[in-house]
PDB file of N, CA and C in Angstrom:
ATOM      1  N   UNK A   1     -11.467  -0.146 -11.341  1.00  0.00           N
ATOM      2  CA  UNK A   1     -10.246  -0.269 -10.581  1.00  0.00           C
ATOM      3  C   UNK A   1      -9.707  -1.689 -10.755  1.00  0.00           C
ATOM      4  N   UNK A   2      -8.400  -1.789 -10.957  1.00  0.00           N
ATOM      5  CA  UNK A   2      -7.800  -3.093 -11.180  1.00  0.00           C
ATOM      6  C   UNK A   2      -7.666  -3.868  -9.869  1.00  0.00           C
ATOM      7  N   UNK A   3      -7.669  -5.188  -9.940  1.00  0.00           N
ATOM      8  CA  UNK A   3      -7.530  -5.976  -8.708  1.00  0.00           C
ATOM      9  C   UNK A   3      -6.157  -5.773  -8.082  1.00  0.00           C
ATOM     10  N   UNK A   4      -6.096  -5.926  -6.792  1.00  0.00           N
ATOM     11  CA  UNK A   4      -4.848  -5.736  -6.063  1.00  0.00           C
ATOM     12  C   UNK A   4      -3.878  -6.870  -6.362  1.00  0.00           C
ATOM     13  N   UNK A   5      -2.600  -6.524  -6.497  1.00  0.00           N
ATOM     14  CA  UNK A   5      -1.590  -7.530  -6.832  1.00  0.00           C
ATOM     15  C   UNK A   5      -1.295  -8.437  -5.643  1.00  0.00           C
ATOM     16  N   UNK A   6      -1.273  -7.850  -4.440  1.00  0.00           N
ATOM     17  CA  UNK A   6      -1.009  -8.615  -3.227  1.00  0.00           C
ATOM     18  C   UNK A   6      -2.261  -8.627  -2.357  1.00  0.00           C
ATOM     19  N   UNK A   7      -3.382  -8.971  -2.932  1.00  0.00           N
ATOM     20  CA  UNK A   7      -4.644  -8.936  -2.211  1.00  0.00           C
ATOM     21  C   UNK A   7      -4.715  -9.901  -1.045  1.00  0.00           C
ATOM     22  N   UNK A   8      -3.885 -10.914  -1.061  1.00  0.00           N
ATOM     23  CA  UNK A   8      -3.902 -11.928   0.002  1.00  0.00           C
ATOM     24  C   UNK A   8      -3.100 -11.499   1.221  1.00  0.00           C
ATOM     25  N   UNK A   9      -2.347 -10.377   1.135  1.00  0.00           N
ATOM     26  CA  UNK A   9      -1.608  -9.852   2.279  1.00  0.00           C
ATOM     27  C   UNK A   9      -2.406  -8.741   2.936  1.00  0.00           C
ATOM     28  N   UNK A  10      -2.371  -8.700   4.256  1.00  0.00           N
ATOM     29  CA  UNK A  10      -2.966  -7.566   4.960  1.00  0.00           C
ATOM     30  C   UNK A  10      -1.991  -6.389   4.882  1.00  0.00           C
ATOM     31  N   UNK A  11      -2.453  -5.230   5.314  1.00  0.00           N
ATOM     32  CA  UNK A  11      -1.625  -4.027   5.294  1.00  0.00           C
ATOM     33  C   UNK A  11      -0.362  -4.220   6.132  1.00  0.00           C
ATOM     34  N   UNK A  12      -0.531  -4.777   7.326  1.00  0.00           N
ATOM     35  CA  UNK A  12       0.617  -5.000   8.217  1.00  0.00           C
ATOM     36  C   UNK A  12       1.576  -6.035   7.642  1.00  0.00           C
ATOM     37  N   UNK A  13       1.043  -7.045   6.994  1.00  0.00           N
ATOM     38  CA  UNK A  13       1.906  -8.060   6.390  1.00  0.00           C
ATOM     39  C   UNK A  13       2.734  -7.463   5.252  1.00  0.00           C
ATOM     40  N   UNK A  14       2.138  -6.564   4.483  1.00  0.00           N
ATOM     41  CA  UNK A  14       2.888  -5.905   3.416  1.00  0.00           C
ATOM     42  C   UNK A  14       4.029  -5.067   3.981  1.00  0.00           C
ATOM     43  N   UNK A  15       3.757  -4.359   5.086  1.00  0.00           N
ATOM     44  CA  UNK A  15       4.809  -3.574   5.717  1.00  0.00           C
ATOM     45  C   UNK A  15       5.931  -4.475   6.224  1.00  0.00           C
ATOM     46  N   UNK A  16       5.571  -5.619   6.782  1.00  0.00           N
ATOM     47  CA  UNK A  16       6.571  -6.565   7.280  1.00  0.00           C
ATOM     48  C   UNK A  16       7.391  -7.138   6.120  1.00  0.00           C
ATOM     49  N   UNK A  17       6.736  -7.466   5.016  1.00  0.00           N
ATOM     50  CA  UNK A  17       7.451  -8.000   3.857  1.00  0.00           C
ATOM     51  C   UNK A  17       8.408  -6.961   3.277  1.00  0.00           C
ATOM     52  N   UNK A  18       7.974  -5.706   3.260  1.00  0.00           N
ATOM     53  CA  UNK A  18       8.846  -4.637   2.766  1.00  0.00           C
ATOM     54  C   UNK A  18      10.096  -4.515   3.644  1.00  0.00           C
ATOM     55  N   UNK A  19       9.905  -4.630   4.956  1.00  0.00           N
ATOM     56  CA  UNK A  19      11.045  -4.548   5.879  1.00  0.00           C
ATOM     57  C   UNK A  19      12.007  -5.720   5.670  1.00  0.00           C
ATOM     58  N   UNK A  20      11.471  -6.910   5.435  1.00  0.00           N
ATOM     59  CA  UNK A  20      12.300  -8.087   5.166  1.00  0.00           C
ATOM     60  C   UNK A  20      13.137  -7.874   3.908  1.00  0.00           C
ATOM     61  N   UNK A  21      12.518  -7.335   2.869  1.00  0.00           N
ATOM     62  CA  UNK A  21      13.233  -7.095   1.614  1.00  0.00           C
ATOM     63  C   UNK A  21      14.303  -6.021   1.807  1.00  0.00           C
ATOM     64  N   UNK A  22      13.988  -4.997   2.591  1.00  0.00           N
ATOM     65  CA  UNK A  22      14.976  -3.950   2.847  1.00  0.00           C
ATOM     66  C   UNK A  22      16.191  -4.512   3.591  1.00  0.00           C
ATOM     67  N   UNK A  23      15.945  -5.422   4.533  1.00  0.00           N
ATOM     68  CA  UNK A  23      17.061  -6.063   5.245  1.00  0.00           C
ATOM     69  C   UNK A  23      17.892  -6.909   4.295  1.00  0.00           C
ATOM     70  N   UNK A  24      17.224  -7.630   3.404  1.00  0.00           N
ATOM     71  CA  UNK A  24      17.940  -8.455   2.431  1.00  0.00           C
ATOM     72  C   UNK A  24      18.775  -7.574   1.504  1.00  0.00           C
ATOM     73  N   UNK A  25      18.240  -6.414   1.152  1.00  0.00           N
ATOM     74  CA  UNK A  25      18.966  -5.501   0.285  1.00  0.00           C
ATOM     75  C   UNK A  25      20.206  -4.961   0.996  1.00  0.00           C
ATOM     76  N   UNK A  26      20.095  -4.713   2.301  1.00  0.00           N
ATOM     77  CA  UNK A  26      21.246  -4.198   3.047  1.00  0.00           C
ATOM     78  C   UNK A  26      22.347  -5.243   3.182  1.00  0.00           C
ATOM     79  N   UNK A  27      21.991  -6.506   3.039  1.00  0.00           N
ATOM     80  CA  UNK A  27      22.978  -7.593   3.107  1.00  0.00           C
ATOM     81  C   UNK A  27      23.563  -7.914   1.733  1.00  0.00           C
ATOM     82  N   UNK A  28      23.313  -7.029   0.784  1.00  0.00           N
ATOM     83  CA  UNK A  28      23.848  -7.149  -0.580  1.00  0.00           C
ATOM     84  C   UNK A  28      23.299  -8.361  -1.326  1.00  0.00           C
ATOM     85  N   UNK A  29      22.103  -8.734  -1.017  1.00  0.00           N
ATOM     86  CA  UNK A  29      21.453  -9.759  -1.831  1.00  0.00           C
ATOM     87  C   UNK A  29      20.983  -9.070  -3.107  1.00  0.00           C
ATOM     88  N   UNK A  30      20.521  -9.765  -4.058  1.00  0.00           N
ATOM     89  CA  UNK A  30      20.120  -9.257  -5.371  1.00  0.00           C
ATOM     90  C   UNK A  30      19.388  -7.908  -5.249  1.00  0.00           C
ATOM     91  N   UNK A  31      20.143  -6.812  -5.300  1.00  0.00           N
ATOM     92  CA  UNK A  31      19.625  -5.471  -5.013  1.00  0.00           C
ATOM     93  C   UNK A  31      18.569  -5.028  -6.021  1.00  0.00           C
ATOM     94  N   UNK A  32      18.777  -5.295  -7.294  1.00  0.00           N
ATOM     95  CA  UNK A  32      17.810  -4.856  -8.306  1.00  0.00           C
ATOM     96  C   UNK A  32      16.468  -5.564  -8.127  1.00  0.00           C
ATOM     97  N   UNK A  33      16.512  -6.848  -7.859  1.00  0.00           N
ATOM     98  CA  UNK A  33      15.284  -7.610  -7.638  1.00  0.00           C
ATOM     99  C   UNK A  33      14.569  -7.097  -6.386  1.00  0.00           C
ATOM    100  N   UNK A  34      15.325  -6.793  -5.336  1.00  0.00           N
ATOM    101  CA  UNK A  34      14.749  -6.278  -4.095  1.00  0.00           C
ATOM    102  C   UNK A  34      14.109  -4.918  -4.324  1.00  0.00           C
ATOM    103  N   UNK A  35      14.753  -4.059  -5.104  1.00  0.00           N
ATOM    104  CA  UNK A  35      14.176  -2.750  -5.394  1.00  0.00           C
ATOM    105  C   UNK A  35      12.876  -2.880  -6.175  1.00  0.00           C
ATOM    106  N   UNK A  36      12.811  -3.830  -7.084  1.00  0.00           N
ATOM    107  CA  UNK A  36      11.576  -4.066  -7.839  1.00  0.00           C
ATOM    108  C   UNK A  36      10.450  -4.519  -6.917  1.00  0.00           C
ATOM    109  N   UNK A  37      10.774  -5.400  -5.983  1.00  0.00           N
ATOM    110  CA  UNK A  37       9.766  -5.891  -5.033  1.00  0.00           C
ATOM    111  C   UNK A  37       9.291  -4.753  -4.142  1.00  0.00           C
ATOM    112  N   UNK A  38      10.221  -3.928  -3.660  1.00  0.00           N
ATOM    113  CA  UNK A  38       9.842  -2.792  -2.814  1.00  0.00           C
ATOM    114  C   UNK A  38       8.951  -1.826  -3.587  1.00  0.00           C
ATOM    115  N   UNK A  39       9.275  -1.587  -4.842  1.00  0.00           N
ATOM    116  CA  UNK A  39       8.448  -0.689  -5.664  1.00  0.00           C
ATOM    117  C   UNK A  39       7.040  -1.252  -5.839  1.00  0.00           C
ATOM    118  N   UNK A  40       6.936  -2.551  -6.062  1.00  0.00           N
ATOM    119  CA  UNK A  40       5.608  -3.172  -6.212  1.00  0.00           C
ATOM    120  C   UNK A  40       4.816  -3.090  -4.916  1.00  0.00           C
ATOM    121  N   UNK A  41       5.475  -3.317  -3.785  1.00  0.00           N
ATOM    122  CA  UNK A  41       4.799  -3.232  -2.485  1.00  0.00           C
ATOM    123  C   UNK A  41       4.359  -1.801  -2.219  1.00  0.00           C
ATOM    124  N   UNK A  42       5.231  -0.824  -2.516  1.00  0.00           N
ATOM    125  CA  UNK A  42       4.867   0.577  -2.310  1.00  0.00           C
ATOM    126  C   UNK A  42       3.685   0.983  -3.188  1.00  0.00           C
ATOM    127  N   UNK A  43       3.661   0.504  -4.432  1.00  0.00           N
ATOM    128  CA  UNK A  43       2.523   0.781  -5.313  1.00  0.00           C
ATOM    129  C   UNK A  43       1.237   0.194  -4.735  1.00  0.00           C
ATOM    130  N   UNK A  44       1.338  -1.014  -4.220  1.00  0.00           N
ATOM    131  CA  UNK A  44       0.182  -1.680  -3.612  1.00  0.00           C
ATOM    132  C   UNK A  44      -0.316  -0.890  -2.403  1.00  0.00           C
ATOM    133  N   UNK A  45       0.598  -0.457  -1.538  1.00  0.00           N
ATOM    134  CA  UNK A  45       0.199   0.313  -0.357  1.00  0.00           C
ATOM    135  C   UNK A  45      -0.438   1.637  -0.750  1.00  0.00           C
ATOM    136  N   UNK A  46       0.105   2.294  -1.766  1.00  0.00           N
ATOM    137  CA  UNK A  46      -0.460   3.564  -2.232  1.00  0.00           C
ATOM    138  C   UNK A  46      -1.863   3.362  -2.808  1.00  0.00           C
ATOM    139  N   UNK A  47      -2.047   2.276  -3.544  1.00  0.00           N
ATOM    140  CA  UNK A  47      -3.365   1.981  -4.107  1.00  0.00           C
ATOM    141  C   UNK A  47      -4.376   1.695  -2.996  1.00  0.00           C
ATOM    142  N   UNK A  48      -3.948   0.973  -1.968  1.00  0.00           N
ATOM    143  CA  UNK A  48      -4.846   0.700  -0.840  1.00  0.00           C
ATOM    144  C   UNK A  48      -5.209   1.975  -0.095  1.00  0.00           C
ATOM    145  N   UNK A  49      -4.244   2.902   0.054  1.00  0.00           N
ATOM    146  CA  UNK A  49      -4.540   4.195   0.690  1.00  0.00           C
ATOM    147  C   UNK A  49      -5.556   4.969  -0.124  1.00  0.00           C
ATOM    148  N   UNK A  50      -5.402   4.960  -1.444  1.00  0.00           N
ATOM    149  CA  UNK A  50      -6.337   5.666  -2.316  1.00  0.00           C
ATOM    150  C   UNK A  50      -7.742   5.083  -2.198  1.00  0.00           C
ATOM    151  N   UNK A  51      -7.836   3.768  -2.151  1.00  0.00           N
ATOM    152  CA  UNK A  51      -9.136   3.107  -1.998  1.00  0.00           C
ATOM    153  C   UNK A  51      -9.753   3.474  -0.658  1.00  0.00           C
ATOM    154  N   UNK A  52      -8.932   3.463   0.386  1.00  0.00           N
ATOM    155  CA  UNK A  52      -9.413   3.781   1.730  1.00  0.00           C
ATOM    156  C   UNK A  52      -9.972   5.200   1.791  1.00  0.00           C
ATOM    157  N   UNK A  53      -9.244   6.168   1.220  1.00  0.00           N
ATOM    158  CA  UNK A  53      -9.704   7.552   1.273  1.00  0.00           C
ATOM    159  C   UNK A  53     -10.899   7.794   0.362  1.00  0.00           C
ATOM    160  N   UNK A  54     -10.987   7.093  -0.748  1.00  0.00           N
ATOM    161  CA  UNK A  54     -12.149   7.270  -1.620  1.00  0.00           C
ATOM    162  C   UNK A  54     -13.407   6.724  -0.947  1.00  0.00           C
ATOM    163  N   UNK A  55     -13.259   5.630  -0.222  1.00  0.00           N
ATOM    164  CA  UNK A  55     -14.411   5.092   0.510  1.00  0.00           C
ATOM    165  C   UNK A  55     -14.787   5.986   1.680  1.00  0.00           C
ATOM    166  N   UNK A  56     -13.782   6.537   2.361  1.00  0.00           N
ATOM    167  CA  UNK A  56     -14.052   7.423   3.501  1.00  0.00           C
ATOM    168  C   UNK A  56     -14.706   8.719   3.019  1.00  0.00           C
ATOM    169  N   UNK A  57     -14.334   9.167   1.831  1.00  0.00           N
ATOM    170  CA  UNK A  57     -14.914  10.389   1.284  1.00  0.00           C
ATOM    171  C   UNK A  57     -16.391  10.255   0.981  1.00  0.00           C
ATOM    172  N   UNK A  58     -16.849   9.063   0.726  1.00  0.00           N
ATOM    173  CA  UNK A  58     -18.267   8.834   0.440  1.00  0.00           C
ATOM    174  C   UNK A  58     -19.123   8.931   1.697  1.00  0.00           C
ATOM    175  N   UNK A  59     -18.496   8.756   2.870  1.00  0.00           N
ATOM    176  CA  UNK A  59     -19.251   8.727   4.138  1.00  0.00           C
ATOM    177  C   UNK A  59     -19.353  10.095   4.802  1.00  0.00           C
ATOM    178  N   UNK A  60     -18.772  11.130   4.206  1.00  0.00           N
ATOM    179  CA  UNK A  60     -18.830  12.464   4.813  1.00  0.00           C
ATOM    180  C   UNK A  60     -20.223  13.034   4.635  1.00  0.00           C
ATOM    181  N   UNK A  61     -20.882  13.409   5.730  1.00  0.00           N
ATOM    182  CA  UNK A  61     -22.229  13.963   5.605  1.00  0.00           C
ATOM    183  C   UNK A  61     -22.197  15.384   5.035  1.00  0.00           C
ATOM    184  N   UNK A  62     -23.266  15.756   4.374  1.00  0.00           N
ATOM    185  CA  UNK A  62     -23.363  17.095   3.815  1.00  0.00           C
ATOM    186  C   UNK A  62     -23.733  18.059   4.915  1.00  0.00           C
ATOM    187  N   UNK A  63     -23.132  19.221   4.887  1.00  0.00           N
ATOM    188  CA  UNK A  63     -23.374  20.232   5.905  1.00  0.00           C
ATOM    189  C   UNK A  63     -24.493  21.150   5.414  1.00  0.00           C
ATOM    190  N   UNK A  64     -25.448  21.367   6.292  1.00  0.00           N
ATOM    191  CA  UNK A  64     -26.574  22.232   5.972  1.00  0.00           C
ATOM    192  C   UNK A  64     -26.290  23.608   6.566  1.00  0.00           C
ATOM    193  N   UNK A  65     -25.987  24.592   5.721  1.00  0.00           N
ATOM    194  CA  UNK A  65     -25.666  25.935   6.190  1.00  0.00           C
ATOM    195  C   UNK A  65     -26.905  26.810   6.371  1.00  0.00           C
ATOM    196  N   UNK A  66     -28.066  26.287   6.096  1.00  0.00           N
ATOM    197  CA  UNK A  66     -29.297  27.070   6.193  1.00  0.00           C
ATOM    198  C   UNK A  66     -29.782  27.221   7.624  1.00  0.00           C
ATOM    199  N   UNK A  67     -29.287  26.418   8.537  1.00  0.00           N
ATOM    200  CA  UNK A  67     -29.764  26.468   9.924  1.00  0.00           C
ATOM    201  C   UNK A  67     -29.064  27.532  10.717  1.00  0.00           C
TER     202      UNK A  67
END
C-alpha cells in the first residue's frame, strides 16, 4: 500500500480543509485548482476508509456453527 499523501492531517482536518476549498470555489477563486485539491482530498479519504475497513475485517471472529 502506498503512503498517504496527506498523512499529517487527521480525518477531521481533511474534512475541514475540503470545506474551506469548497467555499473558495464558490467565491470564484481558481476553480480548476480547487477541484484538483478536492479530488486529492476525496481520494485520500477513500483510501483511509479502505484501510479502516480492511483492518476491521481482520478482527471479525470466526463463527463456530458446530455448537
